[in-house]
Amino acid sequence: MRIGAYNQVSQVYGNQPVKKSYNAGTYGATSTTDHVSFSTVGKDMQTAKTALKNVPDVREDKVKALKESIANGTYQVSAESFADKLMAAFDEKSI
């Protein structure tokens, strides 16, 4: 940074007072207020978010039924169905 160039610029312009372009008596006399509005999509999303907050993450009735069937030895998994779902999941990840 060249300090000499700054001195030359300040000599050209000198110390000039700042001119105010507003009338001091009317400045701030008008009042403005902020206004916020939400779209219907935003309102719908908020309603859905509130509804989902009240729903539990885990469906206890399903978990209880599966635990009972596993404990009783009655829970059966089809090897063919499991393999099909595994391959489908692999195909989705490889794309």
N, C-alpha and C. Protein backbone atom coordinates (compact mmCIF):
# COMPACT_ATOMS: atom_id res chain seq x y z
N MET A 1 0.84 -1.17 0.00
CA MET A 1 0.00 0.00 0.00
C MET A 1 0.89 1.24 0.00
N ARG A 2 0.60 2.14 -0.88
CA ARG A 2 1.39 3.35 -1.00
C ARG A 2 0.71 4.48 -0.23
N ILE A 3 1.37 4.96 0.78
CA ILE A 3 0.81 6.04 1.59
C ILE A 3 0.89 7.37 0.85
N GLY A 4 1.90 7.52 0.03
CA GLY A 4 2.07 8.76 -0.72
C GLY A 4 0.90 9.03 -1.64
N ALA A 5 0.34 7.99 -2.26
CA ALA A 5 -0.81 8.16 -3.15
C ALA A 5 -2.03 8.63 -2.36
N TYR A 6 -2.19 8.18 -1.15
CA TYR A 6 -3.31 8.61 -0.32
C TYR A 6 -3.19 10.10 0.00
N ASN A 7 -2.00 10.52 0.29
CA ASN A 7 -1.78 11.94 0.59
C ASN A 7 -2.11 12.81 -0.60
N GLN A 8 -1.76 12.33 -1.80
CA GLN A 8 -2.05 13.11 -3.01
C GLN A 8 -3.55 13.21 -3.24
N VAL A 9 -4.27 12.12 -3.03
CA VAL A 9 -5.72 12.13 -3.22
C VAL A 9 -6.38 13.06 -2.22
N SER A 10 -5.93 13.02 -0.97
CA SER A 10 -6.54 13.90 0.04
C SER A 10 -6.24 15.36 -0.25
N GLN A 11 -5.11 15.66 -0.88
CA GLN A 11 -4.79 17.04 -1.24
C GLN A 11 -5.71 17.54 -2.34
N VAL A 12 -6.07 16.65 -3.28
CA VAL A 12 -6.93 17.04 -4.38
C VAL A 12 -8.32 17.37 -3.87
N TYR A 13 -8.87 16.50 -3.01
CA TYR A 13 -10.23 16.70 -2.53
C TYR A 13 -10.30 17.62 -1.33
N GLY A 14 -9.26 17.67 -0.56
CA GLY A 14 -9.24 18.53 0.62
C GLY A 14 -10.25 18.08 1.66
N ASN A 15 -10.46 18.87 2.65
CA ASN A 15 -11.44 18.57 3.69
C ASN A 15 -12.72 19.30 3.37
N GLN A 16 -13.66 18.59 2.79
CA GLN A 16 -14.93 19.18 2.43
C GLN A 16 -15.99 18.70 3.41
N PRO A 17 -16.87 19.59 3.85
CA PRO A 17 -17.92 19.16 4.78
C PRO A 17 -18.94 18.26 4.05
N VAL A 18 -19.54 17.38 4.80
CA VAL A 18 -20.54 16.47 4.25
C VAL A 18 -21.86 17.22 4.11
N LYS A 19 -22.44 17.14 2.93
CA LYS A 19 -23.71 17.81 2.67
C LYS A 19 -24.85 16.86 3.00
N LYS A 20 -25.79 17.33 3.80
CA LYS A 20 -26.95 16.52 4.15
C LYS A 20 -28.05 16.81 3.15
N SER A 21 -28.64 15.75 2.60
CA SER A 21 -29.64 15.93 1.56
C SER A 21 -31.07 15.82 2.09
N TYR A 22 -31.25 15.72 3.38
CA TYR A 22 -32.60 15.63 3.92
C TYR A 22 -32.87 16.82 4.83
N ASN A 23 -34.11 17.08 4.99
CA ASN A 23 -34.53 18.17 5.86
C ASN A 23 -34.62 17.62 7.29
N ALA A 24 -33.89 18.21 8.19
CA ALA A 24 -33.83 17.70 9.56
C ALA A 24 -35.18 17.71 10.25
N GLY A 25 -36.08 18.61 9.85
CA GLY A 25 -37.39 18.68 10.50
C GLY A 25 -38.32 17.56 10.08
N THR A 26 -38.19 17.07 8.86
CA THR A 26 -39.09 16.03 8.37
C THR A 26 -38.48 14.64 8.43
N TYR A 27 -37.23 14.53 8.75
CA TYR A 27 -36.59 13.22 8.82
C TYR A 27 -37.19 12.41 9.96
N GLY A 28 -37.63 11.24 9.67
CA GLY A 28 -38.20 10.37 10.68
C GLY A 28 -39.66 10.66 10.98
N ALA A 29 -40.25 11.61 10.30
CA ALA A 29 -41.64 11.96 10.57
C ALA A 29 -42.58 10.88 10.04
N THR A 30 -42.21 10.23 8.95
CA THR A 30 -43.05 9.17 8.41
C THR A 30 -42.69 7.87 9.11
N SER A 31 -43.68 7.11 9.45
CA SER A 31 -43.42 5.85 10.12
C SER A 31 -43.77 4.70 9.19
N THR A 32 -42.95 3.71 9.20
CA THR A 32 -43.20 2.51 8.42
C THR A 32 -43.24 1.32 9.36
N THR A 33 -44.04 0.36 9.03
CA THR A 33 -44.12 -0.85 9.84
C THR A 33 -43.81 -2.04 8.96
N ASP A 34 -43.22 -3.05 9.56
CA ASP A 34 -42.93 -4.27 8.85
C ASP A 34 -44.17 -5.15 8.83
N HIS A 35 -44.31 -5.91 7.77
CA HIS A 35 -45.46 -6.79 7.63
C HIS A 35 -44.97 -8.14 7.14
N VAL A 36 -45.39 -9.19 7.82
CA VAL A 36 -45.01 -10.54 7.45
C VAL A 36 -46.26 -11.33 7.12
N SER A 37 -46.21 -12.06 6.02
CA SER A 37 -47.33 -12.94 5.68
C SER A 37 -46.77 -14.27 5.19
N PHE A 38 -47.50 -15.32 5.47
CA PHE A 38 -47.07 -16.66 5.08
C PHE A 38 -48.03 -17.20 4.03
N SER A 39 -47.48 -17.93 3.09
CA SER A 39 -48.30 -18.51 2.04
C SER A 39 -49.10 -19.68 2.60
N THR A 40 -50.07 -20.13 1.84
CA THR A 40 -50.87 -21.28 2.29
C THR A 40 -50.02 -22.53 2.34
N VAL A 41 -49.03 -22.64 1.46
CA VAL A 41 -48.14 -23.80 1.49
C VAL A 41 -47.36 -23.81 2.79
N GLY A 42 -46.86 -22.65 3.20
CA GLY A 42 -46.13 -22.55 4.46
C GLY A 42 -47.00 -22.90 5.65
N LYS A 43 -48.25 -22.44 5.62
CA LYS A 43 -49.18 -22.76 6.70
C LYS A 43 -49.49 -24.26 6.73
N ASP A 44 -49.67 -24.85 5.55
CA ASP A 44 -49.93 -26.29 5.48
C ASP A 44 -48.74 -27.09 6.00
N MET A 45 -47.54 -26.64 5.65
CA MET A 45 -46.34 -27.34 6.13
C MET A 45 -46.23 -27.25 7.65
N GLN A 46 -46.57 -26.11 8.20
CA GLN A 46 -46.52 -25.96 9.65
C GLN A 46 -47.55 -26.86 10.33
N THR A 47 -48.73 -26.97 9.74
CA THR A 47 -49.76 -27.85 10.29
C THR A 47 -49.30 -29.31 10.25
N ALA A 48 -48.71 -29.71 9.13
CA ALA A 48 -48.22 -31.09 9.00
C ALA A 48 -47.09 -31.35 9.99
N LYS A 49 -46.21 -30.39 10.15
CA LYS A 49 -45.10 -30.54 11.08
C LYS A 49 -45.60 -30.71 12.51
N THR A 50 -46.61 -29.94 12.88
CA THR A 50 -47.19 -30.04 14.21
C THR A 50 -47.86 -31.40 14.41
N ALA A 51 -48.56 -31.88 13.38
CA ALA A 51 -49.23 -33.18 13.47
C ALA A 51 -48.21 -34.31 13.60
N LEU A 52 -47.11 -34.21 12.86
CA LEU A 52 -46.09 -35.26 12.93
C LEU A 52 -45.36 -35.26 14.26
N LYS A 53 -45.29 -34.10 14.89
CA LYS A 53 -44.63 -34.03 16.19
C LYS A 53 -45.39 -34.85 17.22
N ASN A 54 -46.70 -34.97 17.07
CA ASN A 54 -47.53 -35.69 18.03
C ASN A 54 -47.58 -37.19 17.78
N VAL A 55 -47.09 -37.64 16.63
CA VAL A 55 -47.09 -39.07 16.29
C VAL A 55 -45.80 -39.69 16.82
N PRO A 56 -45.90 -40.84 17.49
CA PRO A 56 -44.69 -41.48 18.01
C PRO A 56 -43.82 -42.02 16.87
N ASP A 57 -42.50 -42.06 17.09
CA ASP A 57 -41.57 -42.55 16.08
C ASP A 57 -41.66 -44.06 15.90
N VAL A 58 -42.00 -44.76 16.96
CA VAL A 58 -42.06 -46.22 16.93
C VAL A 58 -43.49 -46.66 17.16
N ARG A 59 -43.97 -47.56 16.30
CA ARG A 59 -45.32 -48.11 16.49
C ARG A 59 -45.23 -49.28 17.45
N GLU A 60 -45.54 -49.00 18.68
CA GLU A 60 -45.37 -49.98 19.76
C GLU A 60 -46.17 -51.26 19.52
N ASP A 61 -47.36 -51.16 18.95
CA ASP A 61 -48.18 -52.36 18.72
C ASP A 61 -47.49 -53.31 17.74
N LYS A 62 -46.89 -52.78 16.69
CA LYS A 62 -46.18 -53.63 15.72
C LYS A 62 -44.95 -54.27 16.35
N VAL A 63 -44.21 -53.48 17.12
CA VAL A 63 -43.00 -53.99 17.76
C VAL A 63 -43.35 -55.09 18.75
N LYS A 64 -44.40 -54.88 19.51
CA LYS A 64 -44.82 -55.88 20.50
C LYS A 64 -45.22 -57.18 19.83
N ALA A 65 -45.97 -57.08 18.73
CA ALA A 65 -46.40 -58.29 18.01
C ALA A 65 -45.20 -59.04 17.44
N LEU A 66 -44.23 -58.31 16.89
CA LEU A 66 -43.04 -58.98 16.35
C LEU A 66 -42.21 -59.62 17.45
N LYS A 67 -42.06 -58.95 18.58
CA LYS A 67 -41.31 -59.52 19.70
C LYS A 67 -41.96 -60.80 20.20
N GLU A 68 -43.30 -60.80 20.29
CA GLU A 68 -44.02 -61.99 20.75
C GLU A 68 -43.85 -63.14 19.77
N SER A 69 -43.95 -62.85 18.47
CA SER A 69 -43.81 -63.93 17.49
C SER A 69 -42.39 -64.47 17.45
N ILE A 70 -41.40 -63.64 17.68
CA ILE A 70 -40.01 -64.13 17.73
C ILE A 70 -39.81 -64.96 18.99
N ALA A 71 -40.34 -64.51 20.12
CA ALA A 71 -40.20 -65.26 21.38
C ALA A 71 -40.91 -66.60 21.30
N ASN A 72 -42.05 -66.66 20.60
CA ASN A 72 -42.81 -67.92 20.49
C ASN A 72 -42.22 -68.84 19.44
N GLY A 73 -41.35 -68.30 18.58
CA GLY A 73 -40.78 -69.12 17.51
C GLY A 73 -41.68 -69.21 16.30
N THR A 74 -42.67 -68.35 16.22
CA THR A 74 -43.60 -68.40 15.10
C THR A 74 -43.27 -67.39 14.00
N TYR A 75 -42.24 -66.60 14.19
CA TYR A 75 -41.86 -65.61 13.18
C TYR A 75 -41.09 -66.30 12.07
N GLN A 76 -41.61 -66.23 10.87
CA GLN A 76 -40.99 -66.90 9.72
C GLN A 76 -40.59 -65.87 8.68
N VAL A 77 -39.40 -66.01 8.15
CA VAL A 77 -38.92 -65.13 7.10
C VAL A 77 -38.68 -65.97 5.87
N SER A 78 -39.24 -65.55 4.75
CA SER A 78 -39.04 -66.24 3.49
C SER A 78 -37.66 -65.87 2.94
N ALA A 79 -36.83 -66.87 2.72
CA ALA A 79 -35.49 -66.62 2.20
C ALA A 79 -35.57 -66.00 0.82
N GLU A 80 -36.54 -66.41 0.03
CA GLU A 80 -36.71 -65.88 -1.32
C GLU A 80 -37.10 -64.40 -1.27
N SER A 81 -38.02 -64.06 -0.41
CA SER A 81 -38.46 -62.68 -0.26
C SER A 81 -37.31 -61.80 0.24
N PHE A 82 -36.55 -62.33 1.20
CA PHE A 82 -35.42 -61.59 1.74
C PHE A 82 -34.37 -61.33 0.65
N ALA A 83 -34.08 -62.34 -0.16
CA ALA A 83 -33.09 -62.19 -1.23
C ALA A 83 -33.57 -61.18 -2.27
N ASP A 84 -34.85 -61.23 -2.61
CA ASP A 84 -35.39 -60.28 -3.59
C ASP A 84 -35.26 -58.84 -3.08
N LYS A 85 -35.59 -58.61 -1.84
CA LYS A 85 -35.50 -57.27 -1.27
C LYS A 85 -34.04 -56.81 -1.15
N LEU A 86 -33.15 -57.75 -0.84
CA LEU A 86 -31.74 -57.43 -0.74
C LEU A 86 -31.18 -57.02 -2.11
N MET A 87 -31.54 -57.76 -3.14
CA MET A 87 -31.08 -57.43 -4.50
C MET A 87 -31.69 -56.11 -4.99
N ALA A 88 -32.93 -55.85 -4.66
CA ALA A 88 -33.57 -54.60 -5.06
C ALA A 88 -32.87 -53.41 -4.39
N ALA A 89 -32.53 -53.56 -3.12
CA ALA A 89 -31.82 -52.50 -2.41
C ALA A 89 -30.44 -52.28 -3.00
N PHE A 90 -29.77 -53.37 -3.39
CA PHE A 90 -28.45 -53.26 -4.01
C PHE A 90 -28.54 -52.55 -5.36
N ASP A 91 -29.57 -52.88 -6.14
CA ASP A 91 -29.75 -52.25 -7.45
C ASP A 91 -30.00 -50.75 -7.31
N GLU A 92 -30.75 -50.33 -6.31
CA GLU A 92 -31.03 -48.91 -6.09
C GLU A 92 -29.77 -48.15 -5.73
N LYS A 93 -28.88 -48.76 -4.95
CA LYS A 93 -27.65 -48.08 -4.54
C LYS A 93 -26.64 -48.02 -5.66
N SER A 94 -26.66 -48.97 -6.59
CA SER A 94 -25.64 -49.00 -7.64
C SER A 94 -25.98 -48.05 -8.79
N ILE A 95 -27.19 -47.53 -8.83
CA ILE A 95 -27.57 -46.63 -9.92
C ILE A 95 -27.11 -45.24 -9.66
